[in-house]
N, C-alpha and C. Protein backbone atom coordinates (compact mmCIF):
# COMPACT_ATOMS: atom_id res chain seq x y z
N UNK A 1 -96.99 179.35 75.41
CA UNK A 1 -96.21 179.08 74.22
C UNK A 1 -97.12 178.79 73.02
N UNK A 2 -98.20 178.01 73.23
CA UNK A 2 -99.11 177.73 72.13
C UNK A 2 -99.72 179.01 71.59
N UNK A 3 -100.08 179.93 72.47
CA UNK A 3 -100.69 181.19 72.06
C UNK A 3 -99.71 182.00 71.21
N UNK A 4 -98.45 182.05 71.61
CA UNK A 4 -97.43 182.79 70.87
C UNK A 4 -97.26 182.20 69.47
N UNK A 5 -97.19 180.88 69.36
CA UNK A 5 -97.03 180.24 68.05
C UNK A 5 -98.26 180.48 67.17
N UNK A 6 -99.44 180.51 67.79
CA UNK A 6 -100.68 180.72 67.06
C UNK A 6 -100.69 182.11 66.43
N UNK A 7 -100.13 183.08 67.10
CA UNK A 7 -100.05 184.44 66.57
C UNK A 7 -98.84 184.58 65.64
N UNK A 8 -97.71 184.00 66.00
CA UNK A 8 -96.48 184.18 65.23
C UNK A 8 -96.57 183.56 63.83
N UNK A 9 -97.17 182.40 63.69
CA UNK A 9 -97.22 181.73 62.39
C UNK A 9 -97.93 182.58 61.33
N UNK A 10 -99.11 183.14 61.62
CA UNK A 10 -99.75 183.99 60.60
C UNK A 10 -98.93 185.25 60.30
N UNK A 11 -98.26 185.81 61.31
CA UNK A 11 -97.45 187.01 61.08
C UNK A 11 -96.26 186.70 60.16
N UNK A 12 -95.63 185.55 60.37
CA UNK A 12 -94.52 185.15 59.50
C UNK A 12 -95.04 184.94 58.08
N UNK A 13 -96.18 184.31 57.93
CA UNK A 13 -96.75 184.07 56.60
C UNK A 13 -97.05 185.40 55.90
N UNK A 14 -97.60 186.38 56.62
CA UNK A 14 -97.87 187.69 56.04
C UNK A 14 -96.58 188.39 55.64
N UNK A 15 -95.57 188.30 56.46
CA UNK A 15 -94.28 188.93 56.14
C UNK A 15 -93.68 188.32 54.89
N UNK A 16 -93.72 187.00 54.76
CA UNK A 16 -93.16 186.33 53.58
C UNK A 16 -93.97 186.66 52.33
N UNK A 17 -95.27 186.80 52.47
CA UNK A 17 -96.11 187.13 51.32
C UNK A 17 -95.74 188.50 50.76
N UNK A 18 -95.21 189.38 51.57
CA UNK A 18 -94.82 190.70 51.12
C UNK A 18 -93.47 190.73 50.45
N UNK A 19 -92.72 189.64 50.49
CA UNK A 19 -91.38 189.61 49.89
C UNK A 19 -91.47 189.25 48.42
N UNK A 20 -90.42 189.54 47.70
CA UNK A 20 -90.34 189.12 46.30
C UNK A 20 -90.83 190.19 45.35
N UNK A 21 -91.07 189.79 44.11
CA UNK A 21 -91.45 190.69 43.05
C UNK A 21 -92.96 190.75 42.90
N UNK A 22 -93.65 191.28 43.91
CA UNK A 22 -95.10 191.29 43.86
C UNK A 22 -95.63 192.15 42.71
N UNK A 23 -94.88 193.18 42.26
CA UNK A 23 -95.33 194.03 41.17
C UNK A 23 -94.89 193.49 39.81
N UNK A 24 -94.14 192.42 39.78
CA UNK A 24 -93.63 191.85 38.54
C UNK A 24 -94.59 190.76 38.08
N UNK A 25 -95.63 191.17 37.37
CA UNK A 25 -96.65 190.22 36.93
C UNK A 25 -96.60 190.04 35.43
N UNK A 26 -97.11 188.90 34.97
CA UNK A 26 -97.16 188.59 33.55
C UNK A 26 -98.59 188.21 33.19
N UNK A 27 -99.12 188.82 32.12
CA UNK A 27 -100.43 188.47 31.60
C UNK A 27 -100.24 188.09 30.13
N UNK A 28 -100.86 186.99 29.71
CA UNK A 28 -100.68 186.50 28.34
C UNK A 28 -102.04 186.26 27.70
N UNK A 29 -102.14 186.62 26.42
CA UNK A 29 -103.33 186.30 25.62
C UNK A 29 -102.87 185.60 24.35
N UNK A 30 -103.62 184.59 23.92
CA UNK A 30 -103.28 183.83 22.72
C UNK A 30 -104.50 183.74 21.82
N UNK A 31 -104.25 183.79 20.53
CA UNK A 31 -105.32 183.65 19.55
C UNK A 31 -104.77 182.83 18.38
N UNK A 32 -105.59 181.95 17.84
CA UNK A 32 -105.17 181.17 16.68
C UNK A 32 -106.04 181.56 15.50
N UNK A 33 -105.37 181.89 14.39
CA UNK A 33 -106.09 182.27 13.18
C UNK A 33 -105.35 181.67 11.99
N UNK A 34 -106.08 180.97 11.13
CA UNK A 34 -105.50 180.33 9.95
C UNK A 34 -104.32 179.43 10.32
N UNK A 35 -104.45 178.72 11.44
CA UNK A 35 -103.43 177.79 11.88
C UNK A 35 -102.20 178.42 12.51
N UNK A 36 -102.19 179.76 12.66
CA UNK A 36 -101.06 180.46 13.26
C UNK A 36 -101.46 180.92 14.66
N UNK A 37 -100.65 180.54 15.62
CA UNK A 37 -100.91 180.92 17.01
C UNK A 37 -100.18 182.23 17.31
N UNK A 38 -100.92 183.24 17.75
CA UNK A 38 -100.35 184.54 18.10
C UNK A 38 -100.52 184.77 19.59
N UNK A 39 -99.43 185.12 20.25
CA UNK A 39 -99.44 185.35 21.69
C UNK A 39 -98.88 186.74 21.98
N UNK A 40 -99.50 187.41 22.92
CA UNK A 40 -98.98 188.68 23.43
C UNK A 40 -98.81 188.54 24.92
N UNK A 41 -97.68 189.02 25.42
CA UNK A 41 -97.37 188.97 26.85
C UNK A 41 -97.16 190.40 27.34
N UNK A 42 -97.80 190.73 28.45
CA UNK A 42 -97.60 192.04 29.10
C UNK A 42 -96.99 191.75 30.46
N UNK A 43 -95.81 192.36 30.69
CA UNK A 43 -95.09 192.15 31.95
C UNK A 43 -94.86 193.46 32.67
N UNK A 44 -94.79 193.36 33.98
CA UNK A 44 -94.34 194.46 34.84
C UNK A 44 -95.09 195.77 34.60
N UNK A 45 -96.40 195.70 34.43
CA UNK A 45 -97.20 196.92 34.26
C UNK A 45 -97.23 197.69 35.58
N UNK A 46 -97.11 199.01 35.50
CA UNK A 46 -97.19 199.86 36.68
C UNK A 46 -97.54 201.29 36.26
N UNK A 47 -98.02 202.06 37.20
CA UNK A 47 -98.37 203.46 36.95
C UNK A 47 -97.69 204.32 38.00
N UNK A 48 -97.34 205.52 37.61
CA UNK A 48 -96.71 206.48 38.52
C UNK A 48 -97.81 207.19 39.32
N UNK A 49 -97.61 207.39 40.63
CA UNK A 49 -98.59 208.15 41.41
C UNK A 49 -98.74 209.57 40.84
N UNK A 50 -99.94 210.10 40.90
CA UNK A 50 -100.18 211.46 40.41
C UNK A 50 -100.45 212.38 41.59
N UNK A 51 -100.00 213.61 41.51
CA UNK A 51 -100.28 214.55 42.58
C UNK A 51 -101.78 214.87 42.62
N UNK A 52 -102.29 215.22 43.78
CA UNK A 52 -103.70 215.61 43.88
C UNK A 52 -103.97 216.75 42.92
N UNK A 53 -105.06 216.67 42.23
CA UNK A 53 -105.44 217.71 41.28
C UNK A 53 -104.91 217.49 39.88
N UNK A 54 -103.98 216.57 39.69
CA UNK A 54 -103.44 216.31 38.34
C UNK A 54 -104.54 215.70 37.48
N UNK A 55 -104.61 216.11 36.25
CA UNK A 55 -105.62 215.59 35.33
C UNK A 55 -105.08 214.50 34.41
N UNK A 56 -103.75 214.26 34.50
CA UNK A 56 -103.12 213.24 33.66
C UNK A 56 -102.25 212.33 34.51
N UNK A 57 -102.00 211.13 33.99
CA UNK A 57 -101.12 210.18 34.66
C UNK A 57 -100.40 209.35 33.61
N UNK A 58 -99.41 208.58 34.04
CA UNK A 58 -98.63 207.77 33.10
C UNK A 58 -98.50 206.35 33.61
N UNK A 59 -98.57 205.39 32.67
CA UNK A 59 -98.41 203.97 33.00
C UNK A 59 -97.42 203.35 32.03
N UNK A 60 -96.81 202.26 32.49
CA UNK A 60 -95.71 201.63 31.76
C UNK A 60 -95.87 200.11 31.81
N UNK A 61 -95.19 199.42 30.91
CA UNK A 61 -95.20 197.95 30.88
C UNK A 61 -94.18 197.49 29.84
N UNK A 62 -93.94 196.19 29.80
CA UNK A 62 -93.14 195.58 28.76
C UNK A 62 -94.07 194.64 27.99
N UNK A 63 -94.07 194.77 26.67
CA UNK A 63 -94.97 193.99 25.82
C UNK A 63 -94.13 193.17 24.84
N UNK A 64 -94.50 191.92 24.66
CA UNK A 64 -93.81 191.06 23.70
C UNK A 64 -94.86 190.24 22.94
N UNK A 65 -94.79 190.29 21.61
CA UNK A 65 -95.71 189.55 20.76
C UNK A 65 -94.95 188.44 20.03
N UNK A 66 -95.58 187.29 19.88
CA UNK A 66 -94.93 186.17 19.18
C UNK A 66 -94.93 186.35 17.67
N UNK A 67 -95.87 187.15 17.17
CA UNK A 67 -95.96 187.46 15.75
C UNK A 67 -96.14 188.98 15.62
N UNK A 68 -95.92 189.51 14.43
CA UNK A 68 -96.10 190.95 14.22
C UNK A 68 -97.52 191.33 14.65
N UNK A 69 -97.63 192.42 15.37
CA UNK A 69 -98.90 192.85 15.95
C UNK A 69 -98.81 194.36 16.11
N UNK A 70 -99.82 194.97 16.69
CA UNK A 70 -99.81 196.41 16.95
C UNK A 70 -100.64 196.68 18.21
N UNK A 71 -100.06 197.46 19.12
CA UNK A 71 -100.83 197.98 20.26
C UNK A 71 -101.65 199.13 19.70
N UNK A 72 -102.96 198.97 19.65
CA UNK A 72 -103.82 199.97 19.02
C UNK A 72 -104.43 200.95 20.02
N UNK A 73 -104.39 200.61 21.29
CA UNK A 73 -104.96 201.51 22.28
C UNK A 73 -104.99 200.88 23.66
N UNK A 74 -105.56 201.64 24.58
CA UNK A 74 -105.73 201.17 25.96
C UNK A 74 -106.87 201.95 26.57
N UNK A 75 -107.40 201.42 27.67
CA UNK A 75 -108.50 202.08 28.38
C UNK A 75 -108.44 201.71 29.84
N UNK A 76 -109.01 202.56 30.67
CA UNK A 76 -109.15 202.31 32.10
C UNK A 76 -110.35 203.10 32.62
N UNK A 77 -111.05 202.57 33.62
CA UNK A 77 -112.14 203.33 34.22
C UNK A 77 -111.62 204.57 34.97
N UNK A 78 -110.33 204.65 35.20
CA UNK A 78 -109.77 205.75 35.98
C UNK A 78 -109.40 206.97 35.14
N UNK A 79 -109.70 206.92 33.82
CA UNK A 79 -109.42 208.06 32.95
C UNK A 79 -110.43 208.10 31.81
N UNK A 80 -110.72 209.30 31.33
CA UNK A 80 -111.65 209.45 30.21
C UNK A 80 -111.06 208.89 28.93
N UNK A 81 -109.72 208.97 28.80
CA UNK A 81 -109.05 208.52 27.59
C UNK A 81 -107.64 208.07 27.94
N UNK A 82 -107.14 207.08 27.19
CA UNK A 82 -105.75 206.66 27.32
C UNK A 82 -105.11 206.79 25.94
N UNK A 83 -103.99 207.49 25.88
CA UNK A 83 -103.26 207.67 24.63
C UNK A 83 -101.91 206.98 24.72
N UNK A 84 -101.43 206.49 23.59
CA UNK A 84 -100.08 205.94 23.50
C UNK A 84 -99.18 207.09 23.09
N UNK A 85 -98.14 207.35 23.88
CA UNK A 85 -97.24 208.48 23.63
C UNK A 85 -95.80 208.01 23.47
N UNK A 86 -95.01 208.87 22.85
CA UNK A 86 -93.57 208.67 22.72
C UNK A 86 -92.89 209.97 23.09
N UNK A 87 -91.72 209.87 23.69
CA UNK A 87 -90.90 211.05 23.99
C UNK A 87 -89.77 211.07 22.98
N UNK A 88 -89.58 212.20 22.32
CA UNK A 88 -88.52 212.33 21.33
C UNK A 88 -87.77 213.64 21.55
N UNK A 89 -86.51 213.65 21.16
CA UNK A 89 -85.69 214.85 21.25
C UNK A 89 -85.86 215.63 19.95
N UNK A 90 -86.34 216.88 20.05
CA UNK A 90 -86.51 217.75 18.88
C UNK A 90 -85.93 219.11 19.21
N UNK A 91 -84.95 219.54 18.44
CA UNK A 91 -84.35 220.85 18.65
C UNK A 91 -83.77 221.02 20.03
N UNK A 92 -83.19 219.96 20.58
CA UNK A 92 -82.58 220.04 21.90
C UNK A 92 -83.57 219.97 23.05
N UNK A 93 -84.85 219.72 22.75
CA UNK A 93 -85.88 219.63 23.80
C UNK A 93 -86.62 218.31 23.68
N UNK A 94 -86.95 217.73 24.83
CA UNK A 94 -87.78 216.52 24.84
C UNK A 94 -89.23 216.92 24.58
N UNK A 95 -89.87 216.23 23.64
CA UNK A 95 -91.27 216.49 23.33
C UNK A 95 -92.04 215.19 23.40
N UNK A 96 -93.26 215.31 23.82
CA UNK A 96 -94.14 214.15 23.91
C UNK A 96 -95.10 214.19 22.71
N UNK A 97 -95.17 213.08 21.99
CA UNK A 97 -96.05 212.98 20.83
C UNK A 97 -96.99 211.80 21.00
N UNK A 98 -98.27 212.02 20.68
CA UNK A 98 -99.23 210.92 20.66
C UNK A 98 -98.96 210.05 19.44
N UNK A 99 -99.19 208.76 19.57
CA UNK A 99 -99.06 207.81 18.46
C UNK A 99 -100.47 207.34 18.08
N UNK A 100 -101.20 208.14 17.27
CA UNK A 100 -102.60 207.81 16.97
C UNK A 100 -102.78 206.50 16.21
N UNK A 101 -101.74 206.04 15.52
CA UNK A 101 -101.83 204.77 14.79
C UNK A 101 -101.35 203.59 15.62
N UNK A 102 -101.07 203.84 16.89
CA UNK A 102 -100.64 202.77 17.77
C UNK A 102 -99.15 202.54 17.72
N UNK A 103 -98.75 201.43 18.30
CA UNK A 103 -97.33 201.10 18.44
C UNK A 103 -97.08 199.73 17.83
N UNK A 104 -96.23 199.66 16.78
CA UNK A 104 -95.95 198.36 16.17
C UNK A 104 -95.21 197.44 17.13
N UNK A 105 -95.56 196.17 17.08
CA UNK A 105 -94.91 195.13 17.87
C UNK A 105 -94.31 194.12 16.90
N UNK A 106 -92.99 194.08 16.83
CA UNK A 106 -92.32 193.12 15.96
C UNK A 106 -92.31 191.74 16.63
N UNK A 107 -92.30 190.70 15.85
CA UNK A 107 -92.32 189.33 16.39
C UNK A 107 -91.14 189.09 17.31
N UNK A 108 -91.43 188.57 18.49
CA UNK A 108 -90.44 188.15 19.50
C UNK A 108 -89.51 189.26 19.97
N UNK A 109 -89.91 190.52 19.83
CA UNK A 109 -89.12 191.64 20.35
C UNK A 109 -89.88 192.32 21.47
N UNK A 110 -89.17 192.60 22.57
CA UNK A 110 -89.79 193.32 23.68
C UNK A 110 -89.93 194.80 23.33
N UNK A 111 -91.07 195.35 23.65
CA UNK A 111 -91.31 196.78 23.51
C UNK A 111 -91.54 197.30 24.93
N UNK A 112 -90.68 198.21 25.35
CA UNK A 112 -90.79 198.74 26.70
C UNK A 112 -91.51 200.08 26.69
N UNK A 113 -92.52 200.17 27.51
CA UNK A 113 -93.16 201.44 27.81
C UNK A 113 -92.53 201.85 29.13
N UNK A 114 -91.74 202.94 29.12
CA UNK A 114 -90.92 203.29 30.29
C UNK A 114 -90.84 204.80 30.43
N UNK A 115 -90.56 205.28 31.65
CA UNK A 115 -90.38 206.72 31.86
C UNK A 115 -89.32 207.28 30.90
N UNK A 116 -89.61 208.44 30.32
CA UNK A 116 -88.69 209.08 29.40
C UNK A 116 -88.78 208.56 27.99
N UNK A 117 -89.68 207.63 27.72
CA UNK A 117 -89.83 207.05 26.38
C UNK A 117 -91.30 206.82 26.08
N UNK A 118 -91.58 205.72 25.40
CA UNK A 118 -92.98 205.37 25.10
C UNK A 118 -93.71 205.05 26.39
N UNK A 119 -94.97 205.45 26.46
CA UNK A 119 -95.76 205.22 27.66
C UNK A 119 -97.25 205.38 27.34
N UNK A 120 -98.08 205.00 28.29
CA UNK A 120 -99.51 205.25 28.19
C UNK A 120 -99.81 206.51 28.98
N UNK A 121 -100.51 207.45 28.37
CA UNK A 121 -100.87 208.70 29.03
C UNK A 121 -102.36 208.64 29.35
N UNK A 122 -102.68 208.69 30.63
CA UNK A 122 -104.06 208.66 31.08
C UNK A 122 -104.55 210.11 31.15
N UNK A 123 -105.57 210.42 30.35
CA UNK A 123 -106.08 211.78 30.22
C UNK A 123 -107.37 211.94 31.02
N UNK A 124 -107.52 213.08 31.66
CA UNK A 124 -108.70 213.40 32.46
C UNK A 124 -108.98 212.31 33.48
N UNK A 125 -108.05 212.17 34.42
CA UNK A 125 -108.19 211.19 35.50
C UNK A 125 -109.48 211.44 36.27
N UNK A 126 -110.09 210.37 36.72
CA UNK A 126 -111.29 210.48 37.54
C UNK A 126 -110.93 210.74 39.01
N UNK A 127 -109.67 210.55 39.35
CA UNK A 127 -109.15 210.79 40.70
C UNK A 127 -107.66 210.54 40.67
N UNK A 128 -106.95 210.88 41.73
CA UNK A 128 -105.50 210.69 41.73
C UNK A 128 -105.11 209.21 41.70
N UNK A 129 -103.96 208.93 41.12
CA UNK A 129 -103.38 207.58 41.14
C UNK A 129 -102.56 207.52 42.42
N UNK A 130 -103.00 206.72 43.37
CA UNK A 130 -102.44 206.70 44.72
C UNK A 130 -101.50 205.52 44.89
N UNK A 131 -100.31 205.81 45.40
CA UNK A 131 -99.30 204.79 45.68
C UNK A 131 -99.92 203.68 46.52
N UNK A 132 -99.69 202.43 46.12
CA UNK A 132 -100.22 201.29 46.85
C UNK A 132 -101.55 200.76 46.32
N UNK A 133 -102.17 201.48 45.39
CA UNK A 133 -103.41 200.99 44.77
C UNK A 133 -103.04 200.37 43.42
N UNK A 134 -104.04 200.04 42.61
CA UNK A 134 -103.79 199.48 41.28
C UNK A 134 -104.75 200.09 40.27
N UNK A 135 -104.31 200.10 39.02
CA UNK A 135 -105.11 200.61 37.91
C UNK A 135 -105.41 199.44 36.98
N UNK A 136 -106.69 199.23 36.66
CA UNK A 136 -107.08 198.22 35.68
C UNK A 136 -106.87 198.82 34.30
N UNK A 137 -105.89 198.29 33.56
CA UNK A 137 -105.59 198.76 32.21
C UNK A 137 -105.96 197.69 31.20
N UNK A 138 -106.76 198.06 30.21
CA UNK A 138 -107.11 197.13 29.13
C UNK A 138 -106.36 197.56 27.88
N UNK A 139 -105.46 196.69 27.42
CA UNK A 139 -104.67 196.93 26.22
C UNK A 139 -105.41 196.31 25.04
N UNK A 140 -105.48 197.02 23.90
CA UNK A 140 -106.10 196.47 22.70
C UNK A 140 -105.04 196.33 21.60
N UNK A 141 -105.18 195.27 20.80
CA UNK A 141 -104.20 194.92 19.79
C UNK A 141 -104.90 194.67 18.45
N UNK A 142 -104.14 194.76 17.37
CA UNK A 142 -104.70 194.50 16.05
C UNK A 142 -104.85 193.01 15.76
N UNK A 143 -103.99 192.16 16.38
CA UNK A 143 -103.98 190.76 16.02
C UNK A 143 -104.28 189.77 17.12
N UNK A 144 -104.60 190.24 18.31
CA UNK A 144 -104.92 189.36 19.44
C UNK A 144 -106.01 190.01 20.27
N UNK A 145 -106.65 189.24 21.15
CA UNK A 145 -107.71 189.81 21.98
C UNK A 145 -107.19 190.88 22.94
N UNK A 146 -108.10 191.73 23.38
CA UNK A 146 -107.77 192.73 24.40
C UNK A 146 -107.37 192.02 25.68
N UNK A 147 -106.50 192.66 26.44
CA UNK A 147 -106.00 192.09 27.69
C UNK A 147 -106.12 193.13 28.79
N UNK A 148 -106.60 192.72 29.96
CA UNK A 148 -106.67 193.62 31.11
C UNK A 148 -105.67 193.17 32.14
N UNK A 149 -104.89 194.13 32.63
CA UNK A 149 -103.90 193.87 33.67
C UNK A 149 -104.16 194.81 34.83
N UNK A 150 -103.74 194.40 36.00
CA UNK A 150 -103.78 195.26 37.19
C UNK A 150 -102.39 195.87 37.35
N UNK A 151 -102.28 197.16 37.13
CA UNK A 151 -100.99 197.85 37.20
C UNK A 151 -100.87 198.54 38.55
N UNK A 152 -99.94 198.08 39.41
CA UNK A 152 -99.74 198.73 40.70
C UNK A 152 -99.31 200.19 40.51
N UNK A 153 -99.77 201.04 41.38
CA UNK A 153 -99.33 202.43 41.39
C UNK A 153 -98.18 202.51 42.37
N UNK A 154 -97.03 202.97 41.87
CA UNK A 154 -95.83 203.02 42.70
C UNK A 154 -94.85 204.04 42.13
N UNK A 155 -93.87 204.37 42.94
CA UNK A 155 -92.78 205.24 42.48
C UNK A 155 -91.87 204.44 41.56
N UNK A 156 -91.18 205.11 40.64
CA UNK A 156 -90.22 204.41 39.79
C UNK A 156 -89.10 203.78 40.63
N UNK A 157 -88.57 202.66 40.15
CA UNK A 157 -87.46 202.02 40.85
C UNK A 157 -86.22 202.88 40.68
N UNK A 158 -85.40 202.93 41.72
CA UNK A 158 -84.19 203.77 41.68
C UNK A 158 -83.17 203.21 40.73
């Protein structure tokens, strides 16, 4: 009986550790300038798995700034370049456009980077984005320090 409990307890702990919102993470950066505290929060960052041989990938997150700010770019060691993109309907067709001037962040408003809309486009991947791994994404802003998050690679939620 002691042997069974010795094995069962760690197994139960491992099973419980796998429950919950393990991909629902929050990263926050704060900066104070001229007596004004500016905070940016990045939540629920994730990337879509890429097929073998794909040279591009997409990542998503929810960003909220306490004061007006701008997402000016992003980077990862897993791609030569990261671009901020938007999907728009033009002439009855969805088109993807790069946002070279970044993405404005209004004070206290959530900005969602999501499939079918704004997203980060990883260009010239160094290898496939594999389900179950993570991508280190560094977000850069005009009014707060850069922030690095670990974005799990997973399929979109149904």
